[in-house]
């Protein structure tokens, strides 16, 4: 059996972005469930927002460092695809920011004790 050819870097970033989108969608759905705003549950959702944001930032950093020369085969509209991917990741960040702000508003006094302000999203 032949060894699997490594994915092209841009394709790998896009695949990771799709995985992150599934996680963000799952978290958004979970936040809509009854009881999601109970203190323990909302703290968990908030913490997961932070973790997902960090993963998205890592993927953005990888994307930013990519160049057309990194690809093993020619990629048409490389810069456009890279820009679309950055916009996609920015959109995921925006969704997480809105969820984190909504969650933190529900329990502002509790979050003042347990979590620092969510400034890293800005």
PDB file of N, CA and C in Angstrom:
ATOM      1  N   UNK A   1       0.837  -1.175   0.000  1.00  0.00           N
ATOM      2  CA  UNK A   1       0.000   0.000   0.000  1.00  0.00           C
ATOM      3  C   UNK A   1       0.889   1.248   0.000  1.00  0.00           C
ATOM      4  N   UNK A   2       0.567   2.194  -0.817  1.00  0.00           N
ATOM      5  CA  UNK A   2       1.348   3.420  -0.924  1.00  0.00           C
ATOM      6  C   UNK A   2       1.088   4.324   0.277  1.00  0.00           C
ATOM      7  N   UNK A   3       2.123   5.019   0.733  1.00  0.00           N
ATOM      8  CA  UNK A   3       1.891   5.957   1.832  1.00  0.00           C
ATOM      9  C   UNK A   3       1.014   7.109   1.349  1.00  0.00           C
ATOM     10  N   UNK A   4       0.227   7.607   2.252  1.00  0.00           N
ATOM     11  CA  UNK A   4      -0.685   8.696   1.914  1.00  0.00           C
ATOM     12  C   UNK A   4       0.101   9.975   1.653  1.00  0.00           C
ATOM     13  N   UNK A   5      -0.244  10.639   0.579  1.00  0.00           N
ATOM     14  CA  UNK A   5       0.416  11.902   0.240  1.00  0.00           C
ATOM     15  C   UNK A   5      -0.037  12.986   1.227  1.00  0.00           C
ATOM     16  N   UNK A   6       0.894  13.744   1.753  1.00  0.00           N
ATOM     17  CA  UNK A   6       0.485  14.788   2.699  1.00  0.00           C
ATOM     18  C   UNK A   6      -0.381  15.833   2.002  1.00  0.00           C
ATOM     19  N   UNK A   7      -1.308  16.349   2.757  1.00  0.00           N
ATOM     20  CA  UNK A   7      -2.197  17.373   2.205  1.00  0.00           C
ATOM     21  C   UNK A   7      -1.419  18.653   1.938  1.00  0.00           C
ATOM     22  N   UNK A   8      -1.893  19.369   0.981  1.00  0.00           N
ATOM     23  CA  UNK A   8      -1.323  20.686   0.741  1.00  0.00           C
ATOM     24  C   UNK A   8      -1.683  21.567   1.931  1.00  0.00           C
ATOM     25  N   UNK A   9      -0.807  22.497   2.296  1.00  0.00           N
ATOM     26  CA  UNK A   9      -1.019  23.303   3.503  1.00  0.00           C
ATOM     27  C   UNK A   9      -2.347  24.063   3.537  1.00  0.00           C
ATOM     28  N   UNK A  10      -2.726  24.694   2.433  1.00  0.00           N
ATOM     29  CA  UNK A  10      -3.983  25.433   2.424  1.00  0.00           C
ATOM     30  C   UNK A  10      -5.162  24.486   2.619  1.00  0.00           C
ATOM     31  N   UNK A  11      -5.098  23.327   2.005  1.00  0.00           N
ATOM     32  CA  UNK A  11      -6.167  22.336   2.158  1.00  0.00           C
ATOM     33  C   UNK A  11      -6.239  21.863   3.612  1.00  0.00           C
ATOM     34  N   UNK A  12      -5.115  21.693   4.265  1.00  0.00           N
ATOM     35  CA  UNK A  12      -5.088  21.274   5.666  1.00  0.00           C
ATOM     36  C   UNK A  12      -5.720  22.340   6.564  1.00  0.00           C
ATOM     37  N   UNK A  13      -5.421  23.602   6.295  1.00  0.00           N
ATOM     38  CA  UNK A  13      -6.016  24.695   7.070  1.00  0.00           C
ATOM     39  C   UNK A  13      -7.524  24.716   6.859  1.00  0.00           C
ATOM     40  N   UNK A  14      -7.955  24.527   5.628  1.00  0.00           N
ATOM     41  CA  UNK A  14      -9.392  24.534   5.332  1.00  0.00           C
ATOM     42  C   UNK A  14     -10.111  23.384   6.035  1.00  0.00           C
ATOM     43  N   UNK A  15      -9.476  22.223   6.054  1.00  0.00           N
ATOM     44  CA  UNK A  15     -10.071  21.079   6.747  1.00  0.00           C
ATOM     45  C   UNK A  15     -10.184  21.365   8.244  1.00  0.00           C
ATOM     46  N   UNK A  16      -9.134  21.927   8.839  1.00  0.00           N
ATOM     47  CA  UNK A  16      -9.164  22.268  10.266  1.00  0.00           C
ATOM     48  C   UNK A  16     -10.232  23.317  10.540  1.00  0.00           C
ATOM     49  N   UNK A  17     -10.414  24.264   9.636  1.00  0.00           N
ATOM     50  CA  UNK A  17     -11.451  25.286   9.791  1.00  0.00           C
ATOM     51  C   UNK A  17     -12.831  24.649   9.818  1.00  0.00           C
ATOM     52  N   UNK A  18     -13.045  23.650   8.970  1.00  0.00           N
ATOM     53  CA  UNK A  18     -14.344  22.962   8.955  1.00  0.00           C
ATOM     54  C   UNK A  18     -14.577  22.205  10.261  1.00  0.00           C
ATOM     55  N   UNK A  19     -13.528  21.605  10.801  1.00  0.00           N
ATOM     56  CA  UNK A  19     -13.649  20.925  12.103  1.00  0.00           C
ATOM     57  C   UNK A  19     -14.013  21.929  13.192  1.00  0.00           C
ATOM     58  N   UNK A  20     -13.374  23.081  13.164  1.00  0.00           N
ATOM     59  CA  UNK A  20     -13.663  24.122  14.142  1.00  0.00           C
ATOM     60  C   UNK A  20     -15.084  24.641  13.991  1.00  0.00           C
ATOM     61  N   UNK A  21     -15.545  24.770  12.750  1.00  0.00           N
ATOM     62  CA  UNK A  21     -16.917  25.221  12.517  1.00  0.00           C
ATOM     63  C   UNK A  21     -17.914  24.244  13.132  1.00  0.00           C
ATOM     64  N   UNK A  22     -17.675  22.959  12.976  1.00  0.00           N
ATOM     65  CA  UNK A  22     -18.562  21.960  13.582  1.00  0.00           C
ATOM     66  C   UNK A  22     -18.595  22.115  15.101  1.00  0.00           C
ATOM     67  N   UNK A  23     -17.448  22.385  15.699  1.00  0.00           N
ATOM     68  CA  UNK A  23     -17.399  22.569  17.146  1.00  0.00           C
ATOM     69  C   UNK A  23     -18.126  23.846  17.578  1.00  0.00           C
ATOM     70  N   UNK A  24     -17.960  24.917  16.816  1.00  0.00           N
ATOM     71  CA  UNK A  24     -18.660  26.169  17.126  1.00  0.00           C
ATOM     72  C   UNK A  24     -20.164  25.963  16.977  1.00  0.00           C
ATOM     73  N   UNK A  25     -20.590  25.328  15.903  1.00  0.00           N
ATOM     74  CA  UNK A  25     -22.018  25.067  15.698  1.00  0.00           C
ATOM     75  C   UNK A  25     -22.592  24.227  16.837  1.00  0.00           C
ATOM     76  N   UNK A  26     -21.847  23.237  17.257  1.00  0.00           N
ATOM     77  CA  UNK A  26     -22.285  22.380  18.365  1.00  0.00           C
ATOM     78  C   UNK A  26     -22.423  23.191  19.652  1.00  0.00           C
ATOM     79  N   UNK A  27     -21.467  24.059  19.912  1.00  0.00           N
ATOM     80  CA  UNK A  27     -21.522  24.894  21.110  1.00  0.00           C
ATOM     81  C   UNK A  27     -22.688  25.877  21.039  1.00  0.00           C
ATOM     82  N   UNK A  28     -22.926  26.445  19.871  1.00  0.00           N
ATOM     83  CA  UNK A  28     -24.061  27.356  19.708  1.00  0.00           C
ATOM     84  C   UNK A  28     -25.378  26.622  19.953  1.00  0.00           C
ATOM     85  N   UNK A  29     -25.494  25.417  19.424  1.00  0.00           N
ATOM     86  CA  UNK A  29     -26.700  24.621  19.632  1.00  0.00           C
ATOM     87  C   UNK A  29     -26.874  24.279  21.113  1.00  0.00           C
ATOM     88  N   UNK A  30     -25.799  23.888  21.729  1.00  0.00           N
ATOM     89  CA  UNK A  30     -25.844  23.542  23.151  1.00  0.00           C
ATOM     90  C   UNK A  30     -26.262  24.735  23.997  1.00  0.00           C
ATOM     91  N   UNK A  31     -25.830  25.920  23.614  1.00  0.00           N
ATOM     92  CA  UNK A  31     -26.164  27.123  24.389  1.00  0.00           C
ATOM     93  C   UNK A  31     -27.649  27.460  24.302  1.00  0.00           C
ATOM     94  N   UNK A  32     -28.335  26.930  23.300  1.00  0.00           N
ATOM     95  CA  UNK A  32     -29.758  27.192  23.125  1.00  0.00           C
ATOM     96  C   UNK A  32     -30.636  26.223  23.913  1.00  0.00           C
ATOM     97  N   UNK A  33     -30.041  25.158  24.439  1.00  0.00           N
ATOM     98  CA  UNK A  33     -30.809  24.152  25.167  1.00  0.00           C
ATOM     99  C   UNK A  33     -31.290  24.699  26.503  1.00  0.00           C
ATOM    100  N   UNK A  34     -32.383  24.143  26.959  1.00  0.00           N
ATOM    101  CA  UNK A  34     -32.927  24.532  28.251  1.00  0.00           C
ATOM    102  C   UNK A  34     -31.897  24.224  29.333  1.00  0.00           C
ATOM    103  N   UNK A  35     -31.705  25.147  30.232  1.00  0.00           N
ATOM    104  CA  UNK A  35     -30.759  24.960  31.312  1.00  0.00           C
ATOM    105  C   UNK A  35     -29.344  25.373  30.974  1.00  0.00           C
ATOM    106  N   UNK A  36     -29.118  25.859  29.761  1.00  0.00           N
ATOM    107  CA  UNK A  36     -27.768  26.234  29.350  1.00  0.00           C
ATOM    108  C   UNK A  36     -27.244  27.443  30.114  1.00  0.00           C
ATOM    109  N   UNK A  37     -28.169  28.229  30.669  1.00  0.00           N
ATOM    110  CA  UNK A  37     -27.738  29.430  31.365  1.00  0.00           C
ATOM    111  C   UNK A  37     -27.608  29.235  32.872  1.00  0.00           C
ATOM    112  N   UNK A  38     -27.704  28.001  33.327  1.00  0.00           N
ATOM    113  CA  UNK A  38     -27.406  27.739  34.730  1.00  0.00           C
ATOM    114  C   UNK A  38     -25.936  28.079  34.946  1.00  0.00           C
ATOM    115  N   UNK A  39     -25.583  28.552  36.130  1.00  0.00           N
ATOM    116  CA  UNK A  39     -24.210  29.031  36.351  1.00  0.00           C
ATOM    117  C   UNK A  39     -23.109  28.057  35.932  1.00  0.00           C
ATOM    118  N   UNK A  40     -23.195  26.812  36.343  1.00  0.00           N
ATOM    119  CA  UNK A  40     -22.135  25.861  35.985  1.00  0.00           C
ATOM    120  C   UNK A  40     -22.080  25.615  34.487  1.00  0.00           C
ATOM    121  N   UNK A  41     -23.240  25.503  33.860  1.00  0.00           N
ATOM    122  CA  UNK A  41     -23.292  25.239  32.427  1.00  0.00           C
ATOM    123  C   UNK A  41     -22.787  26.446  31.634  1.00  0.00           C
ATOM    124  N   UNK A  42     -23.181  27.640  32.039  1.00  0.00           N
ATOM    125  CA  UNK A  42     -22.742  28.831  31.299  1.00  0.00           C
ATOM    126  C   UNK A  42     -21.244  29.053  31.474  1.00  0.00           C
ATOM    127  N   UNK A  43     -20.685  28.712  32.645  1.00  0.00           N
ATOM    128  CA  UNK A  43     -19.235  28.811  32.821  1.00  0.00           C
ATOM    129  C   UNK A  43     -18.525  27.846  31.876  1.00  0.00           C
ATOM    130  N   UNK A  44     -19.085  26.649  31.737  1.00  0.00           N
ATOM    131  CA  UNK A  44     -18.502  25.653  30.823  1.00  0.00           C
ATOM    132  C   UNK A  44     -18.550  26.156  29.381  1.00  0.00           C
ATOM    133  N   UNK A  45     -19.668  26.711  28.983  1.00  0.00           N
ATOM    134  CA  UNK A  45     -19.814  27.245  27.621  1.00  0.00           C
ATOM    135  C   UNK A  45     -18.813  28.378  27.394  1.00  0.00           C
ATOM    136  N   UNK A  46     -18.696  29.253  28.360  1.00  0.00           N
ATOM    137  CA  UNK A  46     -17.753  30.372  28.254  1.00  0.00           C
ATOM    138  C   UNK A  46     -16.319  29.857  28.107  1.00  0.00           C
ATOM    139  N   UNK A  47     -15.953  28.884  28.921  1.00  0.00           N
ATOM    140  CA  UNK A  47     -14.599  28.324  28.864  1.00  0.00           C
ATOM    141  C   UNK A  47     -14.347  27.664  27.513  1.00  0.00           C
ATOM    142  N   UNK A  48     -15.332  26.969  26.983  1.00  0.00           N
ATOM    143  CA  UNK A  48     -15.185  26.342  25.674  1.00  0.00           C
ATOM    144  C   UNK A  48     -15.073  27.391  24.571  1.00  0.00           C
ATOM    145  N   UNK A  49     -15.744  28.527  24.739  1.00  0.00           N
ATOM    146  CA  UNK A  49     -15.586  29.638  23.789  1.00  0.00           C
ATOM    147  C   UNK A  49     -14.121  30.080  23.747  1.00  0.00           C
ATOM    148  N   UNK A  50     -13.522  30.207  24.911  1.00  0.00           N
ATOM    149  CA  UNK A  50     -12.124  30.638  24.982  1.00  0.00           C
ATOM    150  C   UNK A  50     -11.223  29.615  24.299  1.00  0.00           C
ATOM    151  N   UNK A  51     -11.451  28.332  24.570  1.00  0.00           N
ATOM    152  CA  UNK A  51     -10.621  27.285  23.977  1.00  0.00           C
ATOM    153  C   UNK A  51     -10.768  27.252  22.459  1.00  0.00           C
ATOM    154  N   UNK A  52     -12.001  27.361  21.984  1.00  0.00           N
ATOM    155  CA  UNK A  52     -12.221  27.369  20.530  1.00  0.00           C
ATOM    156  C   UNK A  52     -11.598  28.609  19.897  1.00  0.00           C
ATOM    157  N   UNK A  53     -11.688  29.736  20.567  1.00  0.00           N
ATOM    158  CA  UNK A  53     -11.080  30.961  20.050  1.00  0.00           C
ATOM    159  C   UNK A  53      -9.577  30.783  19.900  1.00  0.00           C
ATOM    160  N   UNK A  54      -8.951  30.147  20.862  1.00  0.00           N
ATOM    161  CA  UNK A  54      -7.517  29.898  20.785  1.00  0.00           C
ATOM    162  C   UNK A  54      -7.181  28.984  19.607  1.00  0.00           C
ATOM    163  N   UNK A  55      -7.997  27.964  19.393  1.00  0.00           N
ATOM    164  CA  UNK A  55      -7.776  27.043  18.272  1.00  0.00           C
ATOM    165  C   UNK A  55      -7.952  27.774  16.934  1.00  0.00           C
ATOM    166  N   UNK A  56      -8.928  28.653  16.865  1.00  0.00           N
ATOM    167  CA  UNK A  56      -9.152  29.440  15.641  1.00  0.00           C
ATOM    168  C   UNK A  56      -7.961  30.366  15.404  1.00  0.00           C
ATOM    169  N   UNK A  57      -7.469  30.996  16.462  1.00  0.00           N
ATOM    170  CA  UNK A  57      -6.307  31.881  16.324  1.00  0.00           C
ATOM    171  C   UNK A  57      -5.083  31.115  15.830  1.00  0.00           C
ATOM    172  N   UNK A  58      -4.898  29.909  16.330  1.00  0.00           N
ATOM    173  CA  UNK A  58      -3.773  29.087  15.867  1.00  0.00           C
ATOM    174  C   UNK A  58      -3.914  28.791  14.370  1.00  0.00           C
ATOM    175  N   UNK A  59      -5.121  28.463  13.954  1.00  0.00           N
ATOM    176  CA  UNK A  59      -5.362  28.164  12.539  1.00  0.00           C
ATOM    177  C   UNK A  59      -5.142  29.421  11.686  1.00  0.00           C
ATOM    178  N   UNK A  60      -5.544  30.579  12.199  1.00  0.00           N
ATOM    179  CA  UNK A  60      -5.310  31.841  11.483  1.00  0.00           C
ATOM    180  C   UNK A  60      -3.815  32.107  11.332  1.00  0.00           C
ATOM    181  N   UNK A  61      -3.059  31.827  12.380  1.00  0.00           N
ATOM    182  CA  UNK A  61      -1.609  32.044  12.314  1.00  0.00           C
ATOM    183  C   UNK A  61      -0.967  31.147  11.272  1.00  0.00           C
ATOM    184  N   UNK A  62      -1.389  29.899  11.224  1.00  0.00           N
ATOM    185  CA  UNK A  62      -0.875  28.977  10.211  1.00  0.00           C
ATOM    186  C   UNK A  62      -1.230  29.510   8.822  1.00  0.00           C
ATOM    187  N   UNK A  63      -2.481  29.930   8.658  1.00  0.00           N
ATOM    188  CA  UNK A  63      -2.942  30.457   7.372  1.00  0.00           C
ATOM    189  C   UNK A  63      -2.127  31.678   6.955  1.00  0.00           C
ATOM    190  N   UNK A  64      -1.885  32.564   7.893  1.00  0.00           N
ATOM    191  CA  UNK A  64      -1.161  33.802   7.586  1.00  0.00           C
ATOM    192  C   UNK A  64       0.258  33.514   7.106  1.00  0.00           C
ATOM    193  N   UNK A  65       0.880  32.482   7.638  1.00  0.00           N
ATOM    194  CA  UNK A  65       2.262  32.158   7.282  1.00  0.00           C
ATOM    195  C   UNK A  65       2.376  31.412   5.952  1.00  0.00           C
ATOM    196  N   UNK A  66       1.260  30.920   5.422  1.00  0.00           N
ATOM    197  CA  UNK A  66       1.297  30.168   4.168  1.00  0.00           C
ATOM    198  C   UNK A  66       1.616  31.074   2.985  1.00  0.00           C
ATOM    199  N   UNK A  67       2.292  30.482   2.030  1.00  0.00           N
ATOM    200  CA  UNK A  67       2.515  31.176   0.764  1.00  0.00           C
ATOM    201  C   UNK A  67       2.249  30.199  -0.374  1.00  0.00           C
ATOM    202  N   UNK A  68       2.079  30.744  -1.530  1.00  0.00           N
ATOM    203  CA  UNK A  68       1.803  29.916  -2.707  1.00  0.00           C
ATOM    204  C   UNK A  68       2.917  28.894  -2.938  1.00  0.00           C
ATOM    205  N   UNK A  69       4.130  29.244  -2.573  1.00  0.00           N
ATOM    206  CA  UNK A  69       5.284  28.354  -2.767  1.00  0.00           C
ATOM    207  C   UNK A  69       5.207  27.115  -1.874  1.00  0.00           C
ATOM    208  N   UNK A  70       4.410  27.153  -0.819  1.00  0.00           N
ATOM    209  CA  UNK A  70       4.274  26.008   0.084  1.00  0.00           C
ATOM    210  C   UNK A  70       3.464  24.865  -0.529  1.00  0.00           C
ATOM    211  N   UNK A  71       2.695  25.164  -1.540  1.00  0.00           N
ATOM    212  CA  UNK A  71       1.820  24.171  -2.157  1.00  0.00           C
ATOM    213  C   UNK A  71       2.622  23.257  -3.080  1.00  0.00           C
ATOM    214  N   UNK A  72       2.264  21.981  -3.053  1.00  0.00           N
ATOM    215  CA  UNK A  72       2.977  21.017  -3.900  1.00  0.00           C
ATOM    216  C   UNK A  72       2.486  21.066  -5.353  1.00  0.00           C
ATOM    217  N   UNK A  73       1.281  21.577  -5.536  1.00  0.00           N
ATOM    218  CA  UNK A  73       0.718  21.706  -6.882  1.00  0.00           C
ATOM    219  C   UNK A  73       0.144  23.115  -7.030  1.00  0.00           C
ATOM    220  N   UNK A  74       0.050  23.600  -8.244  1.00  0.00           N
ATOM    221  CA  UNK A  74      -0.520  24.937  -8.445  1.00  0.00           C
ATOM    222  C   UNK A  74      -1.956  25.017  -7.919  1.00  0.00           C
ATOM    223  N   UNK A  75      -2.252  26.137  -7.298  1.00  0.00           N
ATOM    224  CA  UNK A  75      -3.594  26.381  -6.778  1.00  0.00           C
ATOM    225  C   UNK A  75      -4.112  27.638  -7.446  1.00  0.00           C
ATOM    226  N   UNK A  76      -5.208  27.489  -8.189  1.00  0.00           N
ATOM    227  CA  UNK A  76      -5.798  28.643  -8.844  1.00  0.00           C
ATOM    228  C   UNK A  76      -6.407  29.592  -7.835  1.00  0.00           C
ATOM    229  N   UNK A  77      -6.301  30.870  -8.073  1.00  0.00           N
ATOM    230  CA  UNK A  77      -6.858  31.902  -7.195  1.00  0.00           C
ATOM    231  C   UNK A  77      -6.376  31.732  -5.751  1.00  0.00           C
ATOM    232  N   UNK A  78      -5.113  31.435  -5.574  1.00  0.00           N
ATOM    233  CA  UNK A  78      -4.565  31.133  -4.245  1.00  0.00           C
ATOM    234  C   UNK A  78      -4.844  32.256  -3.251  1.00  0.00           C
ATOM    235  N   UNK A  79      -4.550  33.478  -3.618  1.00  0.00           N
ATOM    236  CA  UNK A  79      -4.744  34.603  -2.694  1.00  0.00           C
ATOM    237  C   UNK A  79      -6.209  34.799  -2.353  1.00  0.00           C
ATOM    238  N   UNK A  80      -7.083  34.618  -3.329  1.00  0.00           N
ATOM    239  CA  UNK A  80      -8.517  34.736  -3.073  1.00  0.00           C
ATOM    240  C   UNK A  80      -8.981  33.638  -2.115  1.00  0.00           C
ATOM    241  N   UNK A  81      -8.529  32.426  -2.315  1.00  0.00           N
ATOM    242  CA  UNK A  81      -8.911  31.317  -1.432  1.00  0.00           C
ATOM    243  C   UNK A  81      -8.390  31.546  -0.011  1.00  0.00           C
ATOM    244  N   UNK A  82      -7.194  32.056   0.077  1.00  0.00           N
ATOM    245  CA  UNK A  82      -6.609  32.339   1.381  1.00  0.00           C
ATOM    246  C   UNK A  82      -7.416  33.435   2.097  1.00  0.00           C
ATOM    247  N   UNK A  83      -7.792  34.460   1.361  1.00  0.00           N
ATOM    248  CA  UNK A  83      -8.602  35.550   1.927  1.00  0.00           C
ATOM    249  C   UNK A  83      -9.987  35.044   2.347  1.00  0.00           C
ATOM    250  N   UNK A  84     -10.600  34.198   1.548  1.00  0.00           N
ATOM    251  CA  UNK A  84     -11.903  33.621   1.905  1.00  0.00           C
ATOM    252  C   UNK A  84     -11.793  32.807   3.192  1.00  0.00           C
ATOM    253  N   UNK A  85     -10.709  32.088   3.333  1.00  0.00           N
ATOM    254  CA  UNK A  85     -10.505  31.280   4.537  1.00  0.00           C
ATOM    255  C   UNK A  85     -10.318  32.176   5.765  1.00  0.00           C
ATOM    256  N   UNK A  86      -9.584  33.262   5.592  1.00  0.00           N
ATOM    257  CA  UNK A  86      -9.407  34.204   6.707  1.00  0.00           C
ATOM    258  C   UNK A  86     -10.754  34.802   7.116  1.00  0.00           C
ATOM    259  N   UNK A  87     -11.573  35.157   6.127  1.00  0.00           N
ATOM    260  CA  UNK A  87     -12.903  35.695   6.423  1.00  0.00           C
ATOM    261  C   UNK A  87     -13.774  34.663   7.135  1.00  0.00           C
ATOM    262  N   UNK A  88     -13.668  33.415   6.718  1.00  0.00           N
ATOM    263  CA  UNK A  88     -14.414  32.324   7.347  1.00  0.00           C
ATOM    264  C   UNK A  88     -14.023  32.209   8.826  1.00  0.00           C
ATOM    265  N   UNK A  89     -12.725  32.246   9.096  1.00  0.00           N
ATOM    266  CA  UNK A  89     -12.247  32.154  10.475  1.00  0.00           C
ATOM    267  C   UNK A  89     -12.654  33.390  11.291  1.00  0.00           C
ATOM    268  N   UNK A  90     -12.643  34.551  10.663  1.00  0.00           N
ATOM    269  CA  UNK A  90     -13.102  35.765  11.343  1.00  0.00           C
ATOM    270  C   UNK A  90     -14.581  35.644  11.717  1.00  0.00           C
ATOM    271  N   UNK A  91     -15.370  35.050  10.837  1.00  0.00           N
ATOM    272  CA  UNK A  91     -16.785  34.854  11.116  1.00  0.00           C
ATOM    273  C   UNK A  91     -16.980  33.916  12.313  1.00  0.00           C
ATOM    274  N   UNK A  92     -16.201  32.843  12.369  1.00  0.00           N
ATOM    275  CA  UNK A  92     -16.282  31.930  13.516  1.00  0.00           C
ATOM    276  C   UNK A  92     -15.920  32.664  14.811  1.00  0.00           C
ATOM    277  N   UNK A  93     -14.897  33.492  14.753  1.00  0.00           N
ATOM    278  CA  UNK A  93     -14.491  34.278  15.915  1.00  0.00           C
ATOM    279  C   UNK A  93     -15.627  35.187  16.359  1.00  0.00           C
ATOM    280  N   UNK A  94     -16.288  35.821  15.413  1.00  0.00           N
ATOM    281  CA  UNK A  94     -17.404  36.718  15.729  1.00  0.00           C
ATOM    282  C   UNK A  94     -18.540  35.959  16.409  1.00  0.00           C
ATOM    283  N   UNK A  95     -18.857  34.775  15.912  1.00  0.00           N
ATOM    284  CA  UNK A  95     -19.912  33.968  16.533  1.00  0.00           C
ATOM    285  C   UNK A  95     -19.555  33.613  17.970  1.00  0.00           C
ATOM    286  N   UNK A  96     -18.308  33.234  18.189  1.00  0.00           N
ATOM    287  CA  UNK A  96     -17.874  32.896  19.545  1.00  0.00           C
ATOM    288  C   UNK A  96     -17.899  34.116  20.463  1.00  0.00           C
ATOM    289  N   UNK A  97     -17.487  35.244  19.931  1.00  0.00           N
ATOM    290  CA  UNK A  97     -17.491  36.463  20.731  1.00  0.00           C
ATOM    291  C   UNK A  97     -18.905  36.803  21.182  1.00  0.00           C
ATOM    292  N   UNK A  98     -19.858  36.724  20.270  1.00  0.00           N
ATOM    293  CA  UNK A  98     -21.246  37.018  20.622  1.00  0.00           C
ATOM    294  C   UNK A  98     -21.765  36.049  21.675  1.00  0.00           C
ATOM    295  N   UNK A  99     -21.456  34.775  21.520  1.00  0.00           N
ATOM    296  CA  UNK A  99     -21.890  33.783  22.503  1.00  0.00           C
ATOM    297  C   UNK A  99     -21.239  34.040  23.861  1.00  0.00           C
ATOM    298  N   UNK A 100     -19.951  34.330  23.862  1.00  0.00           N
ATOM    299  CA  UNK A 100     -19.245  34.583  25.117  1.00  0.00           C
ATOM    300  C   UNK A 100     -19.805  35.818  25.819  1.00  0.00           C
ATOM    301  N   UNK A 101     -20.080  36.857  25.069  1.00  0.00           N
ATOM    302  CA  UNK A 101     -20.635  38.071  25.667  1.00  0.00           C
ATOM    303  C   UNK A 101     -22.031  37.821  26.219  1.00  0.00           C
ATOM    304  N   UNK A 102     -22.842  37.093  25.487  1.00  0.00           N
ATOM    305  CA  UNK A 102     -24.184  36.759  25.955  1.00  0.00           C
ATOM    306  C   UNK A 102     -24.113  35.932  27.227  1.00  0.00           C
ATOM    307  N   UNK A 103     -23.260  34.954  27.225  1.00  0.00           N
ATOM    308  CA  UNK A 103     -23.107  34.083  28.387  1.00  0.00           C
ATOM    309  C   UNK A 103     -22.580  34.857  29.586  1.00  0.00           C
ATOM    310  N   UNK A 104     -21.603  35.713  29.363  1.00  0.00           N
ATOM    311  CA  UNK A 104     -21.017  36.448  30.480  1.00  0.00           C
ATOM    312  C   UNK A 104     -21.986  37.492  31.034  1.00  0.00           C
ATOM    313  N   UNK A 105     -22.849  38.043  30.233  1.00  0.00           N
ATOM    314  CA  UNK A 105     -23.836  39.024  30.713  1.00  0.00           C
ATOM    315  C   UNK A 105     -24.835  38.388  31.667  1.00  0.00           C
ATOM    316  N   UNK A 106     -25.124  37.126  31.454  1.00  0.00           N
ATOM    317  CA  UNK A 106     -26.099  36.440  32.295  1.00  0.00           C
ATOM    318  C   UNK A 106     -25.616  36.323  33.733  1.00  0.00           C
ATOM    319  N   UNK A 107     -24.322  36.253  33.906  1.00  0.00           N
ATOM    320  CA  UNK A 107     -23.763  36.041  35.243  1.00  0.00           C
ATOM    321  C   UNK A 107     -22.564  36.955  35.463  1.00  0.00           C
ATOM    322  N   UNK A 108     -22.754  38.246  35.262  1.00  0.00           N
ATOM    323  CA  UNK A 108     -21.619  39.170  35.306  1.00  0.00           C
ATOM    324  C   UNK A 108     -20.908  39.157  36.645  1.00  0.00           C
ATOM    325  N   UNK A 109     -21.617  39.070  37.734  1.00  0.00           N
ATOM    326  CA  UNK A 109     -20.933  39.084  39.020  1.00  0.00           C
ATOM    327  C   UNK A 109     -20.141  37.801  39.224  1.00  0.00           C
ATOM    328  N   UNK A 110     -20.682  36.680  38.776  1.00  0.00           N
ATOM    329  CA  UNK A 110     -19.949  35.424  38.902  1.00  0.00           C
ATOM    330  C   UNK A 110     -18.698  35.442  38.036  1.00  0.00           C
ATOM    331  N   UNK A 111     -18.798  35.965  36.828  1.00  0.00           N
ATOM    332  CA  UNK A 111     -17.660  35.961  35.927  1.00  0.00           C
ATOM    333  C   UNK A 111     -16.563  36.908  36.386  1.00  0.00           C
ATOM    334  N   UNK A 112     -16.925  37.936  37.107  1.00  0.00           N
ATOM    335  CA  UNK A 112     -15.906  38.834  37.618  1.00  0.00           C
ATOM    336  C   UNK A 112     -14.964  38.087  38.559  1.00  0.00           C
ATOM    337  N   UNK A 113     -15.479  37.069  39.223  1.00  0.00           N
ATOM    338  CA  UNK A 113     -14.666  36.277  40.128  1.00  0.00           C
ATOM    339  C   UNK A 113     -13.927  35.165  39.394  1.00  0.00           C
ATOM    340  N   UNK A 114     -14.618  34.459  38.494  1.00  0.00           N
ATOM    341  CA  UNK A 114     -14.068  33.256  37.879  1.00  0.00           C
ATOM    342  C   UNK A 114     -13.252  33.500  36.613  1.00  0.00           C
ATOM    343  N   UNK A 115     -13.576  34.503  35.844  1.00  0.00           N
ATOM    344  CA  UNK A 115     -12.920  34.689  34.548  1.00  0.00           C
ATOM    345  C   UNK A 115     -12.481  36.130  34.377  1.00  0.00           C
ATOM    346  N   UNK A 116     -11.355  36.340  33.743  1.00  0.00           N
ATOM    347  CA  UNK A 116     -10.956  37.716  33.405  1.00  0.00           C
ATOM    348  C   UNK A 116     -11.856  38.226  32.279  1.00  0.00           C
ATOM    349  N   UNK A 117     -11.881  39.508  32.058  1.00  0.00           N
ATOM    350  CA  UNK A 117     -12.684  40.035  30.948  1.00  0.00           C
ATOM    351  C   UNK A 117     -12.296  39.387  29.632  1.00  0.00           C
ATOM    352  N   UNK A 118     -13.237  39.320  28.752  1.00  0.00           N
ATOM    353  CA  UNK A 118     -13.060  38.625  27.482  1.00  0.00           C
ATOM    354  C   UNK A 118     -12.414  39.545  26.461  1.00  0.00           C
ATOM    355  N   UNK A 119     -11.346  40.199  26.853  1.00  0.00           N
ATOM    356  CA  UNK A 119     -10.692  41.185  26.001  1.00  0.00           C
ATOM    357  C   UNK A 119      -9.926  40.549  24.845  1.00  0.00           C
ATOM    358  N   UNK A 120      -9.567  39.284  24.988  1.00  0.00           N
ATOM    359  CA  UNK A 120      -8.760  38.650  23.936  1.00  0.00           C
ATOM    360  C   UNK A 120      -9.519  38.487  22.632  1.00  0.00           C
ATOM    361  N   UNK A 121     -10.831  38.685  22.651  1.00  0.00           N
ATOM    362  CA  UNK A 121     -11.619  38.564  21.429  1.00  0.00           C
ATOM    363  C   UNK A 121     -11.560  39.830  20.598  1.00  0.00           C
ATOM    364  N   UNK A 122     -11.138  40.881  21.171  1.00  0.00           N
ATOM    365  CA  UNK A 122     -11.162  42.156  20.449  1.00  0.00           C
ATOM    366  C   UNK A 122      -9.895  42.382  19.703  1.00  0.00           C
TER     367      UNK A 122
END
